[in-house]
Amino acid sequence: MLHDTQVLAVDDRTAVVTTVFGYPDGLAEGRQTQVWVRFDAGWRIVSAHVSEIPAG
């Protein structure tokens, strides 16, 4: 499940997206960060990071 998703438009071709996620068993929660860039062929993720911590 994703929640608290935020999109920061840096300019007309770059965006940073962050979101918090959880698992159905509720044992861990995490955060994902992606940097998107718009190329001639379309939007592509150029950098990403995922981290998890135990819930609670």
PDB file of N, CA and C in Angstrom:
ATOM      1  N   MET A   1       0.840  -1.169   0.000  1.00  0.00           N
ATOM      2  CA  MET A   1       0.000   0.000   0.000  1.00  0.00           C
ATOM      3  C   MET A   1       0.892   1.242   0.000  1.00  0.00           C
ATOM      4  N   LEU A   2       0.632   2.174  -0.876  1.00  0.00           N
ATOM      5  CA  LEU A   2       1.353   3.441  -0.962  1.00  0.00           C
ATOM      6  C   LEU A   2       0.542   4.540  -0.292  1.00  0.00           C
ATOM      7  N   HIS A   3       1.231   5.452   0.400  1.00  0.00           N
ATOM      8  CA  HIS A   3       0.551   6.618   0.959  1.00  0.00           C
ATOM      9  C   HIS A   3       1.552   7.748   1.137  1.00  0.00           C
ATOM     10  N   ASP A   4       1.041   8.929   1.382  1.00  0.00           N
ATOM     11  CA  ASP A   4       1.856  10.131   1.552  1.00  0.00           C
ATOM     12  C   ASP A   4       2.770  10.395   0.352  1.00  0.00           C
ATOM     13  N   THR A   5       2.263  10.125  -0.844  1.00  0.00           N
ATOM     14  CA  THR A   5       3.046  10.359  -2.061  1.00  0.00           C
ATOM     15  C   THR A   5       3.115  11.860  -2.345  1.00  0.00           C
ATOM     16  N   GLN A   6       4.331  12.327  -2.635  1.00  0.00           N
ATOM     17  CA  GLN A   6       4.541  13.731  -2.961  1.00  0.00           C
ATOM     18  C   GLN A   6       5.339  13.826  -4.250  1.00  0.00           C
ATOM     19  N   VAL A   7       4.966  14.785  -5.096  1.00  0.00           N
ATOM     20  CA  VAL A   7       5.670  15.025  -6.353  1.00  0.00           C
ATOM     21  C   VAL A   7       6.165  16.463  -6.336  1.00  0.00           C
ATOM     22  N   LEU A   8       7.474  16.626  -6.518  1.00  0.00           N
ATOM     23  CA  LEU A   8       8.082  17.951  -6.586  1.00  0.00           C
ATOM     24  C   LEU A   8       8.561  18.179  -8.013  1.00  0.00           C
ATOM     25  N   ALA A   9       7.911  19.078  -8.726  1.00  0.00           N
ATOM     26  CA  ALA A   9       8.331  19.425 -10.080  1.00  0.00           C
ATOM     27  C   ALA A   9       9.484  20.415  -9.966  1.00  0.00           C
ATOM     28  N   VAL A  10      10.671  19.985 -10.354  1.00  0.00           N
ATOM     29  CA  VAL A  10      11.856  20.832 -10.273  1.00  0.00           C
ATOM     30  C   VAL A  10      11.853  21.836 -11.418  1.00  0.00           C
ATOM     31  N   ASP A  11      11.528  21.364 -12.607  1.00  0.00           N
ATOM     32  CA  ASP A  11      11.356  22.221 -13.782  1.00  0.00           C
ATOM     33  C   ASP A  11      10.441  21.465 -14.736  1.00  0.00           C
ATOM     34  N   ASP A  12      10.383  21.871 -16.010  1.00  0.00           N
ATOM     35  CA  ASP A  12       9.430  21.244 -16.929  1.00  0.00           C
ATOM     36  C   ASP A  12       9.855  19.863 -17.423  1.00  0.00           C
ATOM     37  N   ARG A  13      11.037  19.389 -17.010  1.00  0.00           N
ATOM     38  CA  ARG A  13      11.477  18.069 -17.446  1.00  0.00           C
ATOM     39  C   ARG A  13      12.055  17.209 -16.337  1.00  0.00           C
ATOM     40  N   THR A  14      11.965  17.676 -15.079  1.00  0.00           N
ATOM     41  CA  THR A  14      12.537  16.935 -13.958  1.00  0.00           C
ATOM     42  C   THR A  14      11.569  16.959 -12.781  1.00  0.00           C
ATOM     43  N   ALA A  15      11.385  15.788 -12.133  1.00  0.00           N
ATOM     44  CA  ALA A  15      10.526  15.694 -10.956  1.00  0.00           C
ATOM     45  C   ALA A  15      11.124  14.708  -9.959  1.00  0.00           C
ATOM     46  N   VAL A  16      10.877  14.970  -8.681  1.00  0.00           N
ATOM     47  CA  VAL A  16      11.277  14.067  -7.615  1.00  0.00           C
ATOM     48  C   VAL A  16       9.999  13.564  -6.955  1.00  0.00           C
ATOM     49  N   VAL A  17       9.880  12.236  -6.836  1.00  0.00           N
ATOM     50  CA  VAL A  17       8.688  11.616  -6.266  1.00  0.00           C
ATOM     51  C   VAL A  17       9.106  10.826  -5.032  1.00  0.00           C
ATOM     52  N   THR A  18       8.400  11.050  -3.913  1.00  0.00           N
ATOM     53  CA  THR A  18       8.627  10.256  -2.708  1.00  0.00           C
ATOM     54  C   THR A  18       7.306   9.657  -2.275  1.00  0.00           C
ATOM     55  N   THR A  19       7.372   8.463  -1.702  1.00  0.00           N
ATOM     56  CA  THR A  19       6.174   7.822  -1.183  1.00  0.00           C
ATOM     57  C   THR A  19       6.548   6.899  -0.040  1.00  0.00           C
ATOM     58  N   VAL A  20       5.612   6.688   0.858  1.00  0.00           N
ATOM     59  CA  VAL A  20       5.764   5.739   1.952  1.00  0.00           C
ATOM     60  C   VAL A  20       4.951   4.506   1.576  1.00  0.00           C
ATOM     61  N   PHE A  21       5.475   3.329   1.905  1.00  0.00           N
ATOM     62  CA  PHE A  21       4.745   2.111   1.576  1.00  0.00           C
ATOM     63  C   PHE A  21       4.771   1.147   2.749  1.00  0.00           C
ATOM     64  N   GLY A  22       3.805   0.245   2.744  1.00  0.00           N
ATOM     65  CA  GLY A  22       3.732  -0.802   3.750  1.00  0.00           C
ATOM     66  C   GLY A  22       3.383  -2.116   3.079  1.00  0.00           C
ATOM     67  N   TYR A  23       3.510  -3.186   3.847  1.00  0.00           N
ATOM     68  CA  TYR A  23       3.199  -4.530   3.360  1.00  0.00           C
ATOM     69  C   TYR A  23       1.923  -5.028   4.027  1.00  0.00           C
ATOM     70  N   PRO A  24       1.215  -5.957   3.382  1.00  0.00           N
ATOM     71  CA  PRO A  24      -0.030  -6.451   3.970  1.00  0.00           C
ATOM     72  C   PRO A  24       0.141  -7.039   5.377  1.00  0.00           C
ATOM     73  N   ASP A  25       1.310  -7.650   5.659  1.00  0.00           N
ATOM     74  CA  ASP A  25       1.502  -8.226   6.994  1.00  0.00           C
ATOM     75  C   ASP A  25       1.831  -7.168   8.044  1.00  0.00           C
ATOM     76  N   GLY A  26       2.112  -5.937   7.623  1.00  0.00           N
ATOM     77  CA  GLY A  26       2.365  -4.840   8.544  1.00  0.00           C
ATOM     78  C   GLY A  26       3.673  -4.921   9.299  1.00  0.00           C
ATOM     79  N   LEU A  27       4.571  -5.809   8.908  1.00  0.00           N
ATOM     80  CA  LEU A  27       5.813  -6.001   9.644  1.00  0.00           C
ATOM     81  C   LEU A  27       6.903  -4.981   9.309  1.00  0.00           C
ATOM     82  N   ALA A  28       6.769  -4.315   8.186  1.00  0.00           N
ATOM     83  CA  ALA A  28       7.773  -3.315   7.794  1.00  0.00           C
ATOM     84  C   ALA A  28       7.094  -2.169   7.055  1.00  0.00           C
ATOM     85  N   GLU A  29       7.742  -1.022   7.101  1.00  0.00           N
ATOM     86  CA  GLU A  29       7.301   0.162   6.372  1.00  0.00           C
ATOM     87  C   GLU A  29       8.528   0.736   5.688  1.00  0.00           C
ATOM     88  N   GLY A  30       8.324   1.421   4.586  1.00  0.00           N
ATOM     89  CA  GLY A  30       9.475   1.947   3.877  1.00  0.00           C
ATOM     90  C   GLY A  30       9.173   3.238   3.163  1.00  0.00           C
ATOM     91  N   ARG A  31      10.222   3.776   2.565  1.00  0.00           N
ATOM     92  CA  ARG A  31      10.108   4.997   1.775  1.00  0.00           C
ATOM     93  C   ARG A  31      10.827   4.758   0.452  1.00  0.00           C
ATOM     94  N   GLN A  32      10.226   5.271  -0.603  1.00  0.00           N
ATOM     95  CA  GLN A  32      10.821   5.174  -1.931  1.00  0.00           C
ATOM     96  C   GLN A  32      10.959   6.574  -2.496  1.00  0.00           C
ATOM     97  N   THR A  33      12.113   6.841  -3.077  1.00  0.00           N
ATOM     98  CA  THR A  33      12.381   8.121  -3.735  1.00  0.00           C
ATOM     99  C   THR A  33      12.810   7.843  -5.165  1.00  0.00           C
ATOM    100  N   GLN A  34      12.232   8.583  -6.100  1.00  0.00           N
ATOM    101  CA  GLN A  34      12.591   8.438  -7.511  1.00  0.00           C
ATOM    102  C   GLN A  34      12.817   9.822  -8.112  1.00  0.00           C
ATOM    103  N   VAL A  35      13.816   9.922  -8.990  1.00  0.00           N
ATOM    104  CA  VAL A  35      14.032  11.137  -9.777  1.00  0.00           C
ATOM    105  C   VAL A  35      13.658  10.796 -11.222  1.00  0.00           C
ATOM    106  N   TRP A  36      12.733  11.559 -11.777  1.00  0.00           N
ATOM    107  CA  TRP A  36      12.234  11.350 -13.134  1.00  0.00           C
ATOM    108  C   TRP A  36      12.728  12.480 -14.031  1.00  0.00           C
ATOM    109  N   VAL A  37      13.104  12.129 -15.253  1.00  0.00           N
ATOM    110  CA  VAL A  37      13.500  13.126 -16.257  1.00  0.00           C
ATOM    111  C   VAL A  37      12.736  12.830 -17.549  1.00  0.00           C
ATOM    112  N   ARG A  38      12.225  13.885 -18.188  1.00  0.00           N
ATOM    113  CA  ARG A  38      11.509  13.715 -19.448  1.00  0.00           C
ATOM    114  C   ARG A  38      12.491  13.837 -20.602  1.00  0.00           C
ATOM    115  N   PHE A  39      12.654  12.754 -21.338  1.00  0.00           N
ATOM    116  CA  PHE A  39      13.491  12.728 -22.539  1.00  0.00           C
ATOM    117  C   PHE A  39      12.578  12.775 -23.761  1.00  0.00           C
ATOM    118  N   ASP A  40      13.160  12.834 -24.958  1.00  0.00           N
ATOM    119  CA  ASP A  40      12.351  12.828 -26.182  1.00  0.00           C
ATOM    120  C   ASP A  40      11.467  11.583 -26.258  1.00  0.00           C
ATOM    121  N   ALA A  41      11.948  10.458 -25.726  1.00  0.00           N
ATOM    122  CA  ALA A  41      11.200   9.198 -25.770  1.00  0.00           C
ATOM    123  C   ALA A  41      10.168   9.085 -24.648  1.00  0.00           C
ATOM    124  N   GLY A  42      10.144  10.042 -23.715  1.00  0.00           N
ATOM    125  CA  GLY A  42       9.183  10.018 -22.621  1.00  0.00           C
ATOM    126  C   GLY A  42       9.861  10.092 -21.269  1.00  0.00           C
ATOM    127  N   TRP A  43       9.075   9.952 -20.202  1.00  0.00           N
ATOM    128  CA  TRP A  43       9.566  10.038 -18.834  1.00  0.00           C
ATOM    129  C   TRP A  43      10.303   8.759 -18.460  1.00  0.00           C
ATOM    130  N   ARG A  44      11.460   8.937 -17.799  1.00  0.00           N
ATOM    131  CA  ARG A  44      12.277   7.804 -17.345  1.00  0.00           C
ATOM    132  C   ARG A  44      12.777   8.074 -15.932  1.00  0.00           C
ATOM    133  N   ILE A  45      12.877   7.022 -15.127  1.00  0.00           N
ATOM    134  CA  ILE A  45      13.486   7.134 -13.806  1.00  0.00           C
ATOM    135  C   ILE A  45      14.996   7.102 -13.995  1.00  0.00           C
ATOM    136  N   VAL A  46      15.689   8.121 -13.488  1.00  0.00           N
ATOM    137  CA  VAL A  46      17.141   8.180 -13.633  1.00  0.00           C
ATOM    138  C   VAL A  46      17.859   7.862 -12.327  1.00  0.00           C
ATOM    139  N   SER A  47      17.128   7.876 -11.210  1.00  0.00           N
ATOM    140  CA  SER A  47      17.702   7.517  -9.919  1.00  0.00           C
ATOM    141  C   SER A  47      16.569   7.075  -9.000  1.00  0.00           C
ATOM    142  N   ALA A  48      16.859   6.072  -8.160  1.00  0.00           N
ATOM    143  CA  ALA A  48      15.839   5.592  -7.225  1.00  0.00           C
ATOM    144  C   ALA A  48      16.508   5.045  -5.972  1.00  0.00           C
ATOM    145  N   HIS A  49      15.782   5.146  -4.855  1.00  0.00           N
ATOM    146  CA  HIS A  49      16.268   4.591  -3.597  1.00  0.00           C
ATOM    147  C   HIS A  49      15.075   4.056  -2.819  1.00  0.00           C
ATOM    148  N   VAL A  50      15.251   2.881  -2.197  1.00  0.00           N
ATOM    149  CA  VAL A  50      14.209   2.275  -1.377  1.00  0.00           C
ATOM    150  C   VAL A  50      14.849   1.893  -0.051  1.00  0.00           C
ATOM    151  N   SER A  51      14.186   2.249   1.039  1.00  0.00           N
ATOM    152  CA  SER A  51      14.649   1.827   2.362  1.00  0.00           C
ATOM    153  C   SER A  51      13.464   1.331   3.171  1.00  0.00           C
ATOM    154  N   GLU A  52      13.737   0.404   4.088  1.00  0.00           N
ATOM    155  CA  GLU A  52      12.690  -0.176   4.932  1.00  0.00           C
ATOM    156  C   GLU A  52      13.124  -0.131   6.389  1.00  0.00           C
ATOM    157  N   ILE A  53      12.112  -0.021   7.268  1.00  0.00           N
ATOM    158  CA  ILE A  53      12.348  -0.145   8.703  1.00  0.00           C
ATOM    159  C   ILE A  53      11.258  -1.024   9.285  1.00  0.00           C
ATOM    160  N   PRO A  54      11.521  -1.753  10.366  1.00  0.00           N
ATOM    161  CA  PRO A  54      10.464  -2.535  11.001  1.00  0.00           C
ATOM    162  C   PRO A  54       9.340  -1.615  11.481  1.00  0.00           C
ATOM    163  N   ALA A  55       8.117  -2.038  11.335  1.00  0.00           N
ATOM    164  CA  ALA A  55       6.968  -1.226  11.795  1.00  0.00           C
ATOM    165  C   ALA A  55       6.926  -1.181  13.316  1.00  0.00           C
ATOM    166  N   GLY A  56       6.410  -0.077  13.822  1.00  0.00           N
ATOM    167  CA  GLY A  56       6.209   0.052  15.264  1.00  0.00           C
ATOM    168  C   GLY A  56       7.375   0.588  15.958  1.00  0.00           C
TER     169      GLY A  56
END
